[in-house]
Each structure stands twice: as structure tokens, then as C-alpha cells.
Amino acid sequence: MATIPADTRLASERAAAGRLRSVIKAAREAPRAAIVILGGLMLVAICADLIAPHDPTLPVKGAGVFDPPFWMEGGRATTLLGTDFQGRDILSRLIYGARVSLIVGLMGTLVAGGIGTAMGILSGYVGGWVDQIIMRVTDAWLALPAIVFAIFLAAMVGPSMWNIIVILGAVYWTRYARVIRGEVLTLREREFVKLAEIAGASKLRVIKRHILPNVMNTATVLASLTVGVVIIAEASLSFLGVGVPPPQPAWGLMLSEARSTLMAGQWWLTVFPGLCILLIVLATQLFGDWLRVRLDPQTRNL
């Protein structure tokens, strides 16, 4: 029976210990406020069925319409943050709205990142007429206002959460394509790529083994910064009535339904969903900025 040499075993143990120290150091340096907000919202979204006190789509039995939060006169302990124009619990709708926002934000970013990264690698590495076609399409896409283009696409395919995910992925892939292409143009001139080509490696193998792993840091940073943008876009589309359709709870839809009551004194209908959007976008941007600095080789080697 073969045995692992002591030197090899010791080296692997040291490498594992080094990776563990890096993870601990990164956890200590991470922005705590962003981690707490994102972690809390993810926990709420995952456990919405267990946490939400009421069905977010149905009126609460025994509650009236426009009931204020529990600390105000007329508030109820059963509806802590009040009710809306149909008597539905605001807290329950906010909890389920977190699930919608996170699903759209993460999946929309994944779609945009997948398309944009693939197009950027293909354009930068293959070059020639392929590069020209992809970049001209990218330029045309970038010339279109993102929200207006998303509204146009949503009006064509119809309002749906999964339609919005595909639409936002199709709108925001261009920022990945531009940045990744620039990275690949530099990478394809590096010695390890040239040596792989001289050794007879196919283009697909070079992309898979040498190009893709070296652009993943950049793609990850872009993704962390895009999540907040996608969430804002989804809230804007829902606010305009072409996003997540009612009665499914979404923070942008809640703002849209409450805009006519803002001046009538029902401030909680707009303040709470607006605050949720503010917190999640702020947290994603803070985390994205930290991740950009963390993955920057020049900063990491200081």
C-alpha cells in the first residue's frame, strides 16, 4: 500500500493552515455592517415561510385598512408595522419582498455575468471579426438607457419575476463584456498563454485552463457591485407596473401602491419598503468595494 511522503503531507498541512488563516483574516477585515445586513436579509428570505406572521397576499382577519404601526395610536400587536389599503400585513410583505429582491438580484447578476463574461472572453481572445461584431453590439447596447430598455423588454414579454431576471441579465451584460475583454487582451499576450498555444493546446482548452481562472476575480467584483444595481432596477420596474405582478409582494410594487397615500399620512407604507431597498443596496455596494480592494493583487501584496 502506497504511503504519502512526510514532506508532501507537511506541505499540504501548511497550505491548508495558510488558507484557513487567509479566510479568518478576510472575515475580520470584511465590513461588518454589510455582512450583518446581507446575512440578516438572506436569513429572512430563506425562512420567510416560518418568520412571516401572516399571508402577504391576503387581508389580516380582524385588522382594518391603513392600520398604523403598533407604537402609534390605533396600532395592533398582530400587525407590528401596520396594514396597507387592502388590510394586508406590511411586515409579512416586507419579509417576502426580501426573497423576491434577493432572487432577482442574485439570479439577474448571474445571468448578466455569465453572458458578459463569455462574450468578453470570446471577443478578447479570438479577436478579428468576432471581436468587431461583439464590441459593436456592446456599444449599441450601452447607448440605450438601461431602465428604458428594460421597460421596453418587460412590456413585450409581460410582467413576471423570472422574465425580469432574464431581462435584467440581458440589459446589464455589457459592463462585464467590456471589462473582461480588456483583461483578456492583456492575458493572451502573457507567456503562460503563449507557451500553452505553442504546446498545441486548443483555444477552448486555453480559455478553460488559463483565461477563465484569471478573469474570475474581476467578474466576481463586478458581480458584487451589480447586485445592488439589479435590485434597484427591479424595484423601478415593479414601481412602474412592469415588474413583479401583484399580489406577489415586491418592495418596488409596495412603493407604487402607496404613492397615492403618502400625502394622506400613511407614511409607513412608503418608508419601510424604501428603507429596505436603501439598506440592501448600501450593503451590497459596501461589500463590493471591500471585495474589489481585497482581490486587487497590487493591494494584496502591499
Foldseek 3Di string as FASTA:
>chain_A
DDDDDPVVVVVVVVVVVVVVVVVVVLVVPFDPLLCVLVVVLVVLLVCLVPPQLDDQAAADPPFDALQAAQVDPRHDPSQRHGHHRRNGRPVSLLSNQSNLLQVLLQLLLVLLLVVLLVLQLCLQQVPDVSVVVSVVVLVVLVVDDLLVQLLVQLVVVFAASVSLSNSSSVNRNSVSNVVLSVVSNVQCPDPVNVVCVVVPDDPVCCCVPPRVVVCVLVSVLVSLLRSLVSSVSQLVCLLVPSYHHPPRRHLSVQLNSCVVCCVVPSVSSNPVSVVSSVSNSVSSNSSSVSSVLCSPPVNVVD
